[in-house]
């Protein structure tokens, strides 16, 4: 059974930082593309960042330079360090895993709210 469990969301003031974590289970971590998506109210879910098993990272233009995705293979966990947060980053953030077969998995989401 594949499971992705996010944590680390919360309320932060503009300019602040948060680190999201996604703990995985089901022996999927090492060979999967891992990533983060987000969905703001009234908007479509959008890609934030991805990290391949080979170490390649990809970021949305809106977060480039502010967010950093990383993975700890020993802990089967992927992280999203978010700096210089602004109200436009407010969204539910979802962890995502994509197998080479095309099967994808999603976490339950964690709310991130940027507000003064």
PDB file of N, CA and C in Angstrom:
ATOM      1  N   UNK A   1       0.848  -1.185   0.000  1.00  0.00           N
ATOM      2  CA  UNK A   1       0.000   0.000   0.000  1.00  0.00           C
ATOM      3  C   UNK A   1       0.887   1.240   0.000  1.00  0.00           C
ATOM      4  N   UNK A   2       0.760   2.053  -1.039  1.00  0.00           N
ATOM      5  CA  UNK A   2       1.544   3.268  -1.141  1.00  0.00           C
ATOM      6  C   UNK A   2       0.853   4.365  -0.357  1.00  0.00           C
ATOM      7  N   UNK A   3       1.619   5.069   0.457  1.00  0.00           N
ATOM      8  CA  UNK A   3       1.078   6.192   1.213  1.00  0.00           C
ATOM      9  C   UNK A   3       2.037   7.363   1.171  1.00  0.00           C
ATOM     10  N   UNK A   4       1.475   8.549   1.028  1.00  0.00           N
ATOM     11  CA  UNK A   4       2.223   9.793   1.101  1.00  0.00           C
ATOM     12  C   UNK A   4       1.568  10.639   2.177  1.00  0.00           C
ATOM     13  N   UNK A   5       2.340  11.083   3.154  1.00  0.00           N
ATOM     14  CA  UNK A   5       1.789  11.840   4.276  1.00  0.00           C
ATOM     15  C   UNK A   5       2.550  13.147   4.414  1.00  0.00           C
ATOM     16  N   UNK A   6       1.846  14.242   4.140  1.00  0.00           N
ATOM     17  CA  UNK A   6       2.459  15.564   4.235  1.00  0.00           C
ATOM     18  C   UNK A   6       2.347  16.122   5.643  1.00  0.00           C
ATOM     19  N   UNK A   7       3.271  17.007   5.961  1.00  0.00           N
ATOM     20  CA  UNK A   7       3.219  17.746   7.219  1.00  0.00           C
ATOM     21  C   UNK A   7       4.001  19.043   7.046  1.00  0.00           C
ATOM     22  N   UNK A   8       3.803  19.962   7.983  1.00  0.00           N
ATOM     23  CA  UNK A   8       4.586  21.189   7.981  1.00  0.00           C
ATOM     24  C   UNK A   8       3.859  22.430   7.526  1.00  0.00           C
ATOM     25  N   UNK A   9       2.617  22.289   7.110  1.00  0.00           N
ATOM     26  CA  UNK A   9       1.876  23.471   6.698  1.00  0.00           C
ATOM     27  C   UNK A   9       1.502  24.336   7.884  1.00  0.00           C
ATOM     28  N   UNK A  10       0.967  25.522   7.591  1.00  0.00           N
ATOM     29  CA  UNK A  10       0.547  26.404   8.663  1.00  0.00           C
ATOM     30  C   UNK A  10       0.341  27.820   8.182  1.00  0.00           C
ATOM     31  N   UNK A  11       0.234  28.722   9.136  1.00  0.00           N
ATOM     32  CA  UNK A  11       0.033  30.148   8.872  1.00  0.00           C
ATOM     33  C   UNK A  11       1.350  30.887   9.081  1.00  0.00           C
ATOM     34  N   UNK A  12       1.757  31.635   8.076  1.00  0.00           N
ATOM     35  CA  UNK A  12       3.013  32.365   8.125  1.00  0.00           C
ATOM     36  C   UNK A  12       2.788  33.779   7.603  1.00  0.00           C
ATOM     37  N   UNK A  13       3.524  34.717   8.140  1.00  0.00           N
ATOM     38  CA  UNK A  13       3.453  36.090   7.647  1.00  0.00           C
ATOM     39  C   UNK A  13       4.212  36.221   6.337  1.00  0.00           C
ATOM     40  N   UNK A  14       3.827  37.189   5.517  1.00  0.00           N
ATOM     41  CA  UNK A  14       4.579  37.433   4.276  1.00  0.00           C
ATOM     42  C   UNK A  14       6.065  37.635   4.568  1.00  0.00           C
ATOM     43  N   UNK A  15       6.882  37.026   3.721  1.00  0.00           N
ATOM     44  CA  UNK A  15       8.320  37.079   3.915  1.00  0.00           C
ATOM     45  C   UNK A  15       8.871  35.940   4.740  1.00  0.00           C
ATOM     46  N   UNK A  16       7.998  35.170   5.341  1.00  0.00           N
ATOM     47  CA  UNK A  16       8.424  34.070   6.192  1.00  0.00           C
ATOM     48  C   UNK A  16       8.771  32.815   5.430  1.00  0.00           C
ATOM     49  N   UNK A  17       9.062  31.768   6.189  1.00  0.00           N
ATOM     50  CA  UNK A  17       9.475  30.491   5.604  1.00  0.00           C
ATOM     51  C   UNK A  17       8.714  29.332   6.240  1.00  0.00           C
ATOM     52  N   UNK A  18       8.607  28.263   5.481  1.00  0.00           N
ATOM     53  CA  UNK A  18       8.057  27.004   5.963  1.00  0.00           C
ATOM     54  C   UNK A  18       8.797  25.875   5.278  1.00  0.00           C
ATOM     55  N   UNK A  19       8.837  24.727   5.949  1.00  0.00           N
ATOM     56  CA  UNK A  19       9.356  23.534   5.313  1.00  0.00           C
ATOM     57  C   UNK A  19       8.300  22.438   5.391  1.00  0.00           C
ATOM     58  N   UNK A  20       7.904  21.970   4.225  1.00  0.00           N
ATOM     59  CA  UNK A  20       6.955  20.874   4.142  1.00  0.00           C
ATOM     60  C   UNK A  20       7.717  19.553   4.036  1.00  0.00           C
ATOM     61  N   UNK A  21       7.133  18.535   4.619  1.00  0.00           N
ATOM     62  CA  UNK A  21       7.704  17.193   4.540  1.00  0.00           C
ATOM     63  C   UNK A  21       6.675  16.227   3.975  1.00  0.00           C
ATOM     64  N   UNK A  22       7.153  15.234   3.255  1.00  0.00           N
ATOM     65  CA  UNK A  22       6.286  14.185   2.724  1.00  0.00           C
ATOM     66  C   UNK A  22       6.946  12.849   3.005  1.00  0.00           C
ATOM     67  N   UNK A  23       6.382  12.136   3.951  1.00  0.00           N
ATOM     68  CA  UNK A  23       6.890  10.811   4.281  1.00  0.00           C
ATOM     69  C   UNK A  23       6.202   9.771   3.410  1.00  0.00           C
ATOM     70  N   UNK A  24       6.982   8.879   2.829  1.00  0.00           N
ATOM     71  CA  UNK A  24       6.431   7.886   1.921  1.00  0.00           C
ATOM     72  C   UNK A  24       6.566   6.484   2.484  1.00  0.00           C
ATOM     73  N   UNK A  25       5.718   5.616   2.052  1.00  0.00           N
ATOM     74  CA  UNK A  25       5.793   4.210   2.413  1.00  0.00           C
ATOM     75  C   UNK A  25       5.369   3.385   1.220  1.00  0.00           C
ATOM     76  N   UNK A  26       5.624   2.102   1.270  1.00  0.00           N
ATOM     77  CA  UNK A  26       5.259   1.249   0.163  1.00  0.00           C
ATOM     78  C   UNK A  26       6.396   0.994  -0.791  1.00  0.00           C
ATOM     79  N   UNK A  27       7.622   1.273  -0.360  1.00  0.00           N
ATOM     80  CA  UNK A  27       8.819   0.951  -1.144  1.00  0.00           C
ATOM     81  C   UNK A  27       8.802   1.623  -2.512  1.00  0.00           C
ATOM     82  N   UNK A  28       8.390   2.882  -2.536  1.00  0.00           N
ATOM     83  CA  UNK A  28       8.295   3.563  -3.813  1.00  0.00           C
ATOM     84  C   UNK A  28       9.367   4.606  -4.010  1.00  0.00           C
ATOM     85  N   UNK A  29      10.068   4.931  -2.963  1.00  0.00           N
ATOM     86  CA  UNK A  29      10.779   6.207  -2.971  1.00  0.00           C
ATOM     87  C   UNK A  29      11.901   6.279  -3.992  1.00  0.00           C
ATOM     88  N   UNK A  30      12.746   5.258  -4.051  1.00  0.00           N
ATOM     89  CA  UNK A  30      14.009   5.423  -4.776  1.00  0.00           C
ATOM     90  C   UNK A  30      13.850   5.526  -6.279  1.00  0.00           C
ATOM     91  N   UNK A  31      12.814   4.957  -6.854  1.00  0.00           N
ATOM     92  CA  UNK A  31      12.699   4.915  -8.308  1.00  0.00           C
ATOM     93  C   UNK A  31      11.586   5.798  -8.859  1.00  0.00           C
ATOM     94  N   UNK A  32      11.026   6.627  -8.024  1.00  0.00           N
ATOM     95  CA  UNK A  32       9.901   7.442  -8.442  1.00  0.00           C
ATOM     96  C   UNK A  32      10.315   8.897  -8.595  1.00  0.00           C
ATOM     97  N   UNK A  33       9.628   9.591  -9.477  1.00  0.00           N
ATOM     98  CA  UNK A  33       9.700  11.042  -9.482  1.00  0.00           C
ATOM     99  C   UNK A  33       8.825  11.532  -8.330  1.00  0.00           C
ATOM    100  N   UNK A  34       9.400  12.373  -7.484  1.00  0.00           N
ATOM    101  CA  UNK A  34       8.665  12.937  -6.355  1.00  0.00           C
ATOM    102  C   UNK A  34       8.454  14.421  -6.602  1.00  0.00           C
ATOM    103  N   UNK A  35       7.367  14.924  -6.099  1.00  0.00           N
ATOM    104  CA  UNK A  35       7.128  16.340  -6.333  1.00  0.00           C
ATOM    105  C   UNK A  35       6.088  16.934  -5.423  1.00  0.00           C
ATOM    106  N   UNK A  36       5.906  18.218  -5.611  1.00  0.00           N
ATOM    107  CA  UNK A  36       4.891  18.982  -4.891  1.00  0.00           C
ATOM    108  C   UNK A  36       4.033  19.747  -5.892  1.00  0.00           C
ATOM    109  N   UNK A  37       2.748  19.706  -5.663  1.00  0.00           N
ATOM    110  CA  UNK A  37       1.788  20.514  -6.386  1.00  0.00           C
ATOM    111  C   UNK A  37       1.040  21.354  -5.363  1.00  0.00           C
ATOM    112  N   UNK A  38       0.334  22.349  -5.849  1.00  0.00           N
ATOM    113  CA  UNK A  38      -0.502  23.144  -4.964  1.00  0.00           C
ATOM    114  C   UNK A  38      -1.792  23.545  -5.674  1.00  0.00           C
ATOM    115  N   UNK A  39      -2.802  23.804  -4.860  1.00  0.00           N
ATOM    116  CA  UNK A  39      -4.085  24.245  -5.407  1.00  0.00           C
ATOM    117  C   UNK A  39      -4.640  25.350  -4.521  1.00  0.00           C
ATOM    118  N   UNK A  40      -4.764  26.516  -5.126  1.00  0.00           N
ATOM    119  CA  UNK A  40      -5.348  27.659  -4.429  1.00  0.00           C
ATOM    120  C   UNK A  40      -6.854  27.660  -4.647  1.00  0.00           C
ATOM    121  N   UNK A  41      -7.602  28.323  -3.781  1.00  0.00           N
ATOM    122  CA  UNK A  41      -9.064  28.369  -3.938  1.00  0.00           C
ATOM    123  C   UNK A  41      -9.460  28.909  -5.310  1.00  0.00           C
ATOM    124  N   UNK A  42     -10.327  28.176  -5.984  1.00  0.00           N
ATOM    125  CA  UNK A  42     -10.817  28.611  -7.278  1.00  0.00           C
ATOM    126  C   UNK A  42      -9.855  28.433  -8.429  1.00  0.00           C
ATOM    127  N   UNK A  43      -8.723  27.781  -8.172  1.00  0.00           N
ATOM    128  CA  UNK A  43      -7.724  27.601  -9.224  1.00  0.00           C
ATOM    129  C   UNK A  43      -7.435  26.120  -9.437  1.00  0.00           C
ATOM    130  N   UNK A  44      -6.838  25.813 -10.583  1.00  0.00           N
ATOM    131  CA  UNK A  44      -6.439  24.452 -10.879  1.00  0.00           C
ATOM    132  C   UNK A  44      -5.188  24.076 -10.086  1.00  0.00           C
ATOM    133  N   UNK A  45      -5.032  22.781  -9.880  1.00  0.00           N
ATOM    134  CA  UNK A  45      -3.814  22.303  -9.231  1.00  0.00           C
ATOM    135  C   UNK A  45      -2.636  22.560 -10.154  1.00  0.00           C
ATOM    136  N   UNK A  46      -1.539  23.058  -9.596  1.00  0.00           N
ATOM    137  CA  UNK A  46      -0.385  23.395 -10.420  1.00  0.00           C
ATOM    138  C   UNK A  46       0.893  22.798  -9.840  1.00  0.00           C
ATOM    139  N   UNK A  47       1.817  22.529 -10.755  1.00  0.00           N
ATOM    140  CA  UNK A  47       3.114  22.016 -10.353  1.00  0.00           C
ATOM    141  C   UNK A  47       3.898  23.077  -9.593  1.00  0.00           C
ATOM    142  N   UNK A  48       4.537  22.668  -8.512  1.00  0.00           N
ATOM    143  CA  UNK A  48       5.441  23.542  -7.774  1.00  0.00           C
ATOM    144  C   UNK A  48       6.889  23.134  -8.033  1.00  0.00           C
ATOM    145  N   UNK A  49       7.194  21.860  -7.786  1.00  0.00           N
ATOM    146  CA  UNK A  49       8.569  21.391  -7.948  1.00  0.00           C
ATOM    147  C   UNK A  49       8.580  19.872  -8.047  1.00  0.00           C
ATOM    148  N   UNK A  50       9.557  19.345  -8.781  1.00  0.00           N
ATOM    149  CA  UNK A  50       9.741  17.904  -8.859  1.00  0.00           C
ATOM    150  C   UNK A  50      11.208  17.550  -8.682  1.00  0.00           C
ATOM    151  N   UNK A  51      11.438  16.281  -8.307  1.00  0.00           N
ATOM    152  CA  UNK A  51      12.790  15.788  -8.061  1.00  0.00           C
ATOM    153  C   UNK A  51      12.840  14.354  -8.559  1.00  0.00           C
ATOM    154  N   UNK A  52      13.656  14.094  -9.544  1.00  0.00           N
ATOM    155  CA  UNK A  52      13.754  12.735 -10.064  1.00  0.00           C
ATOM    156  C   UNK A  52      14.709  11.901  -9.210  1.00  0.00           C
ATOM    157  N   UNK A  53      14.662  10.600  -9.408  1.00  0.00           N
ATOM    158  CA  UNK A  53      15.563   9.720  -8.675  1.00  0.00           C
ATOM    159  C   UNK A  53      17.008   9.978  -9.054  1.00  0.00           C
ATOM    160  N   UNK A  54      17.221  10.529 -10.247  1.00  0.00           N
ATOM    161  CA  UNK A  54      18.570  10.856 -10.691  1.00  0.00           C
ATOM    162  C   UNK A  54      19.076  12.182 -10.182  1.00  0.00           C
ATOM    163  N   UNK A  55      18.227  12.935  -9.499  1.00  0.00           N
ATOM    164  CA  UNK A  55      18.682  14.179  -8.890  1.00  0.00           C
ATOM    165  C   UNK A  55      18.312  15.437  -9.655  1.00  0.00           C
ATOM    166  N   UNK A  56      17.567  15.308 -10.725  1.00  0.00           N
ATOM    167  CA  UNK A  56      17.157  16.484 -11.481  1.00  0.00           C
ATOM    168  C   UNK A  56      15.969  17.157 -10.809  1.00  0.00           C
ATOM    169  N   UNK A  57      16.047  18.476 -10.678  1.00  0.00           N
ATOM    170  CA  UNK A  57      14.944  19.227 -10.093  1.00  0.00           C
ATOM    171  C   UNK A  57      14.317  20.153 -11.129  1.00  0.00           C
ATOM    172  N   UNK A  58      13.061  20.446 -10.909  1.00  0.00           N
ATOM    173  CA  UNK A  58      12.321  21.329 -11.804  1.00  0.00           C
ATOM    174  C   UNK A  58      11.384  22.168 -10.956  1.00  0.00           C
ATOM    175  N   UNK A  59      11.283  23.454 -11.267  1.00  0.00           N
ATOM    176  CA  UNK A  59      10.461  24.372 -10.479  1.00  0.00           C
ATOM    177  C   UNK A  59       9.542  25.187 -11.377  1.00  0.00           C
ATOM    178  N   UNK A  60       8.401  25.514 -10.809  1.00  0.00           N
ATOM    179  CA  UNK A  60       7.532  26.484 -11.469  1.00  0.00           C
ATOM    180  C   UNK A  60       8.229  27.841 -11.453  1.00  0.00           C
ATOM    181  N   UNK A  61       7.991  28.636 -12.487  1.00  0.00           N
ATOM    182  CA  UNK A  61       8.624  29.962 -12.565  1.00  0.00           C
ATOM    183  C   UNK A  61       8.288  30.813 -11.342  1.00  0.00           C
ATOM    184  N   UNK A  62       7.082  30.648 -10.824  1.00  0.00           N
ATOM    185  CA  UNK A  62       6.618  31.490  -9.725  1.00  0.00           C
ATOM    186  C   UNK A  62       7.345  31.221  -8.417  1.00  0.00           C
ATOM    187  N   UNK A  63       8.014  30.064  -8.302  1.00  0.00           N
ATOM    188  CA  UNK A  63       8.701  29.741  -7.053  1.00  0.00           C
ATOM    189  C   UNK A  63      10.211  29.618  -7.233  1.00  0.00           C
ATOM    190  N   UNK A  64      10.670  29.687  -8.467  1.00  0.00           N
ATOM    191  CA  UNK A  64      12.108  29.552  -8.745  1.00  0.00           C
ATOM    192  C   UNK A  64      12.900  30.557  -7.913  1.00  0.00           C
ATOM    193  N   UNK A  65      13.926  30.061  -7.245  1.00  0.00           N
ATOM    194  CA  UNK A  65      14.750  30.937  -6.421  1.00  0.00           C
ATOM    195  C   UNK A  65      14.252  31.125  -5.003  1.00  0.00           C
ATOM    196  N   UNK A  66      13.020  30.728  -4.744  1.00  0.00           N
ATOM    197  CA  UNK A  66      12.473  30.884  -3.391  1.00  0.00           C
ATOM    198  C   UNK A  66      12.230  29.522  -2.723  1.00  0.00           C
ATOM    199  N   UNK A  67      11.874  28.534  -3.518  1.00  0.00           N
ATOM    200  CA  UNK A  67      11.571  27.198  -3.000  1.00  0.00           C
ATOM    201  C   UNK A  67      12.689  26.233  -3.394  1.00  0.00           C
ATOM    202  N   UNK A  68      12.912  25.256  -2.519  1.00  0.00           N
ATOM    203  CA  UNK A  68      13.898  24.218  -2.804  1.00  0.00           C
ATOM    204  C   UNK A  68      13.321  22.861  -2.446  1.00  0.00           C
ATOM    205  N   UNK A  69      13.334  21.960  -3.416  1.00  0.00           N
ATOM    206  CA  UNK A  69      12.887  20.596  -3.173  1.00  0.00           C
ATOM    207  C   UNK A  69      14.107  19.722  -2.914  1.00  0.00           C
ATOM    208  N   UNK A  70      13.962  18.812  -1.971  1.00  0.00           N
ATOM    209  CA  UNK A  70      15.055  17.898  -1.666  1.00  0.00           C
ATOM    210  C   UNK A  70      14.468  16.565  -1.219  1.00  0.00           C
ATOM    211  N   UNK A  71      15.303  15.552  -1.210  1.00  0.00           N
ATOM    212  CA  UNK A  71      14.828  14.246  -0.782  1.00  0.00           C
ATOM    213  C   UNK A  71      15.889  13.572   0.067  1.00  0.00           C
ATOM    214  N   UNK A  72      15.434  12.838   1.050  1.00  0.00           N
ATOM    215  CA  UNK A  72      16.307  12.060   1.922  1.00  0.00           C
ATOM    216  C   UNK A  72      15.964  10.596   1.675  1.00  0.00           C
ATOM    217  N   UNK A  73      16.792   9.921   0.910  1.00  0.00           N
ATOM    218  CA  UNK A  73      16.498   8.539   0.552  1.00  0.00           C
ATOM    219  C   UNK A  73      16.474   7.626   1.778  1.00  0.00           C
ATOM    220  N   UNK A  74      17.326   7.910   2.743  1.00  0.00           N
ATOM    221  CA  UNK A  74      17.379   7.060   3.929  1.00  0.00           C
ATOM    222  C   UNK A  74      16.078   7.130   4.723  1.00  0.00           C
ATOM    223  N   UNK A  75      15.428   8.294   4.686  1.00  0.00           N
ATOM    224  CA  UNK A  75      14.177   8.479   5.421  1.00  0.00           C
ATOM    225  C   UNK A  75      12.950   8.355   4.530  1.00  0.00           C
ATOM    226  N   UNK A  76      13.171   8.114   3.235  1.00  0.00           N
ATOM    227  CA  UNK A  76      12.063   8.030   2.282  1.00  0.00           C
ATOM    228  C   UNK A  76      11.152   9.245   2.391  1.00  0.00           C
ATOM    229  N   UNK A  77      11.761  10.398   2.453  1.00  0.00           N
ATOM    230  CA  UNK A  77      11.037  11.641   2.672  1.00  0.00           C
ATOM    231  C   UNK A  77      11.493  12.686   1.674  1.00  0.00           C
ATOM    232  N   UNK A  78      10.544  13.451   1.183  1.00  0.00           N
ATOM    233  CA  UNK A  78      10.850  14.578   0.310  1.00  0.00           C
ATOM    234  C   UNK A  78      10.412  15.852   1.017  1.00  0.00           C
ATOM    235  N   UNK A  79      11.182  16.905   0.827  1.00  0.00           N
ATOM    236  CA  UNK A  79      10.949  18.163   1.518  1.00  0.00           C
ATOM    237  C   UNK A  79      10.723  19.292   0.511  1.00  0.00           C
ATOM    238  N   UNK A  80      10.058  20.312   0.964  1.00  0.00           N
ATOM    239  CA  UNK A  80       9.927  21.537   0.185  1.00  0.00           C
ATOM    240  C   UNK A  80      10.212  22.700   1.130  1.00  0.00           C
ATOM    241  N   UNK A  81      11.375  23.296   0.966  1.00  0.00           N
ATOM    242  CA  UNK A  81      11.728  24.475   1.745  1.00  0.00           C
ATOM    243  C   UNK A  81      11.201  25.692   1.005  1.00  0.00           C
ATOM    244  N   UNK A  82      10.379  26.473   1.675  1.00  0.00           N
ATOM    245  CA  UNK A  82       9.737  27.623   1.045  1.00  0.00           C
ATOM    246  C   UNK A  82      10.166  28.887   1.774  1.00  0.00           C
ATOM    247  N   UNK A  83      10.819  29.775   1.057  1.00  0.00           N
ATOM    248  CA  UNK A  83      11.287  31.037   1.621  1.00  0.00           C
ATOM    249  C   UNK A  83      10.626  32.217   0.920  1.00  0.00           C
ATOM    250  N   UNK A  84      10.717  33.364   1.537  1.00  0.00           N
ATOM    251  CA  UNK A  84      10.155  34.600   0.966  1.00  0.00           C
ATOM    252  C   UNK A  84       8.714  34.398   0.527  1.00  0.00           C
ATOM    253  N   UNK A  85       7.944  33.814   1.398  1.00  0.00           N
ATOM    254  CA  UNK A  85       6.548  33.499   1.062  1.00  0.00           C
ATOM    255  C   UNK A  85       5.717  34.759   0.914  1.00  0.00           C
ATOM    256  N   UNK A  86       4.779  34.711  -0.002  1.00  0.00           N
ATOM    257  CA  UNK A  86       3.866  35.827  -0.208  1.00  0.00           C
ATOM    258  C   UNK A  86       2.433  35.291  -0.269  1.00  0.00           C
ATOM    259  N   UNK A  87       1.448  36.163  -0.165  1.00  0.00           N
ATOM    260  CA  UNK A  87       0.051  35.689  -0.125  1.00  0.00           C
ATOM    261  C   UNK A  87      -0.353  34.834  -1.321  1.00  0.00           C
ATOM    262  N   UNK A  88       0.317  35.031  -2.466  1.00  0.00           N
ATOM    263  CA  UNK A  88      -0.011  34.236  -3.643  1.00  0.00           C
ATOM    264  C   UNK A  88       0.427  32.771  -3.496  1.00  0.00           C
ATOM    265  N   UNK A  89       1.217  32.487  -2.489  1.00  0.00           N
ATOM    266  CA  UNK A  89       1.622  31.100  -2.234  1.00  0.00           C
ATOM    267  C   UNK A  89       0.600  30.348  -1.387  1.00  0.00           C
ATOM    268  N   UNK A  90      -0.423  31.044  -0.934  1.00  0.00           N
ATOM    269  CA  UNK A  90      -1.460  30.394  -0.145  1.00  0.00           C
ATOM    270  C   UNK A  90      -2.175  29.334  -0.978  1.00  0.00           C
ATOM    271  N   UNK A  91      -2.198  28.115  -0.459  1.00  0.00           N
ATOM    272  CA  UNK A  91      -2.790  26.996  -1.195  1.00  0.00           C
ATOM    273  C   UNK A  91      -2.718  25.743  -0.336  1.00  0.00           C
ATOM    274  N   UNK A  92      -3.396  24.714  -0.792  1.00  0.00           N
ATOM    275  CA  UNK A  92      -3.169  23.380  -0.246  1.00  0.00           C
ATOM    276  C   UNK A  92      -2.041  22.750  -1.064  1.00  0.00           C
ATOM    277  N   UNK A  93      -1.034  22.279  -0.372  1.00  0.00           N
ATOM    278  CA  UNK A  93       0.128  21.689  -1.022  1.00  0.00           C
ATOM    279  C   UNK A  93       0.039  20.160  -0.938  1.00  0.00           C
ATOM    280  N   UNK A  94       0.236  19.523  -2.089  1.00  0.00           N
ATOM    281  CA  UNK A  94       0.109  18.080  -2.199  1.00  0.00           C
ATOM    282  C   UNK A  94       1.434  17.448  -2.596  1.00  0.00           C
ATOM    283  N   UNK A  95       1.770  16.384  -1.921  1.00  0.00           N
ATOM    284  CA  UNK A  95       2.910  15.567  -2.300  1.00  0.00           C
ATOM    285  C   UNK A  95       2.473  14.609  -3.412  1.00  0.00           C
ATOM    286  N   UNK A  96       3.391  14.288  -4.290  1.00  0.00           N
ATOM    287  CA  UNK A  96       3.071  13.538  -5.509  1.00  0.00           C
ATOM    288  C   UNK A  96       4.203  12.568  -5.803  1.00  0.00           C
ATOM    289  N   UNK A  97       3.839  11.374  -6.227  1.00  0.00           N
ATOM    290  CA  UNK A  97       4.830  10.380  -6.630  1.00  0.00           C
ATOM    291  C   UNK A  97       4.402   9.762  -7.947  1.00  0.00           C
ATOM    292  N   UNK A  98       5.345   9.647  -8.865  1.00  0.00           N
ATOM    293  CA  UNK A  98       5.051   9.105 -10.190  1.00  0.00           C
ATOM    294  C   UNK A  98       5.992   7.954 -10.491  1.00  0.00           C
ATOM    295  N   UNK A  99       5.394   6.778 -10.748  1.00  0.00           N
ATOM    296  CA  UNK A  99       6.182   5.602 -11.081  1.00  0.00           C
ATOM    297  C   UNK A  99       6.509   5.582 -12.564  1.00  0.00           C
ATOM    298  N   UNK A 100       7.498   4.797 -12.940  1.00  0.00           N
ATOM    299  CA  UNK A 100       7.865   4.656 -14.345  1.00  0.00           C
ATOM    300  C   UNK A 100       6.740   4.026 -15.161  1.00  0.00           C
ATOM    301  N   UNK A 101       5.852   3.314 -14.485  1.00  0.00           N
ATOM    302  CA  UNK A 101       4.710   2.704 -15.174  1.00  0.00           C
ATOM    303  C   UNK A 101       3.638   3.720 -15.524  1.00  0.00           C
ATOM    304  N   UNK A 102       3.747   4.917 -14.914  1.00  0.00           N
ATOM    305  CA  UNK A 102       2.722   5.932 -15.104  1.00  0.00           C
ATOM    306  C   UNK A 102       1.747   6.036 -13.952  1.00  0.00           C
ATOM    307  N   UNK A 103       1.819   5.100 -13.026  1.00  0.00           N
ATOM    308  CA  UNK A 103       0.947   5.161 -11.850  1.00  0.00           C
ATOM    309  C   UNK A 103       1.372   6.331 -10.980  1.00  0.00           C
ATOM    310  N   UNK A 104       0.394   7.100 -10.545  1.00  0.00           N
ATOM    311  CA  UNK A 104       0.695   8.247  -9.696  1.00  0.00           C
ATOM    312  C   UNK A 104      -0.022   8.121  -8.364  1.00  0.00           C
ATOM    313  N   UNK A 105       0.536   8.789  -7.373  1.00  0.00           N
ATOM    314  CA  UNK A 105      -0.012   8.765  -6.013  1.00  0.00           C
ATOM    315  C   UNK A 105       0.007  10.185  -5.460  1.00  0.00           C
ATOM    316  N   UNK A 106      -0.960  10.465  -4.606  1.00  0.00           N
ATOM    317  CA  UNK A 106      -1.095  11.787  -4.014  1.00  0.00           C
ATOM    318  C   UNK A 106      -1.263  11.669  -2.512  1.00  0.00           C
ATOM    319  N   UNK A 107      -0.715  12.655  -1.800  1.00  0.00           N
ATOM    320  CA  UNK A 107      -0.993  12.773  -0.384  1.00  0.00           C
ATOM    321  C   UNK A 107      -2.313  13.476  -0.159  1.00  0.00           C
ATOM    322  N   UNK A 108      -2.653  13.662   1.116  1.00  0.00           N
ATOM    323  CA  UNK A 108      -3.945  14.245   1.451  1.00  0.00           C
ATOM    324  C   UNK A 108      -3.919  15.767   1.407  1.00  0.00           C
ATOM    325  N   UNK A 109      -2.730  16.344   1.355  1.00  0.00           N
ATOM    326  CA  UNK A 109      -2.583  17.786   1.278  1.00  0.00           C
ATOM    327  C   UNK A 109      -2.361  18.432   2.635  1.00  0.00           C
ATOM    328  N   UNK A 110      -1.653  19.551   2.605  1.00  0.00           N
ATOM    329  CA  UNK A 110      -1.423  20.339   3.816  1.00  0.00           C
ATOM    330  C   UNK A 110      -1.625  21.812   3.478  1.00  0.00           C
ATOM    331  N   UNK A 111      -2.353  22.505   4.323  1.00  0.00           N
ATOM    332  CA  UNK A 111      -2.707  23.893   4.048  1.00  0.00           C
ATOM    333  C   UNK A 111      -1.553  24.823   4.397  1.00  0.00           C
ATOM    334  N   UNK A 112      -1.243  25.707   3.479  1.00  0.00           N
ATOM    335  CA  UNK A 112      -0.266  26.770   3.704  1.00  0.00           C
ATOM    336  C   UNK A 112      -0.982  28.100   3.497  1.00  0.00           C
ATOM    337  N   UNK A 113      -0.950  28.945   4.504  1.00  0.00           N
ATOM    338  CA  UNK A 113      -1.611  30.241   4.442  1.00  0.00           C
ATOM    339  C   UNK A 113      -0.608  31.334   4.766  1.00  0.00           C
ATOM    340  N   UNK A 114      -0.518  32.293   3.852  1.00  0.00           N
ATOM    341  CA  UNK A 114       0.391  33.426   4.039  1.00  0.00           C
ATOM    342  C   UNK A 114      -0.465  34.664   4.260  1.00  0.00           C
ATOM    343  N   UNK A 115      -0.367  35.214   5.453  1.00  0.00           N
ATOM    344  CA  UNK A 115      -1.203  36.351   5.786  1.00  0.00           C
ATOM    345  C   UNK A 115      -0.600  37.107   6.956  1.00  0.00           C
ATOM    346  N   UNK A 116      -0.795  38.406   6.943  1.00  0.00           N
ATOM    347  CA  UNK A 116      -0.342  39.223   8.061  1.00  0.00           C
ATOM    348  C   UNK A 116      -1.471  39.417   9.064  1.00  0.00           C
TER     349      UNK A 116
END
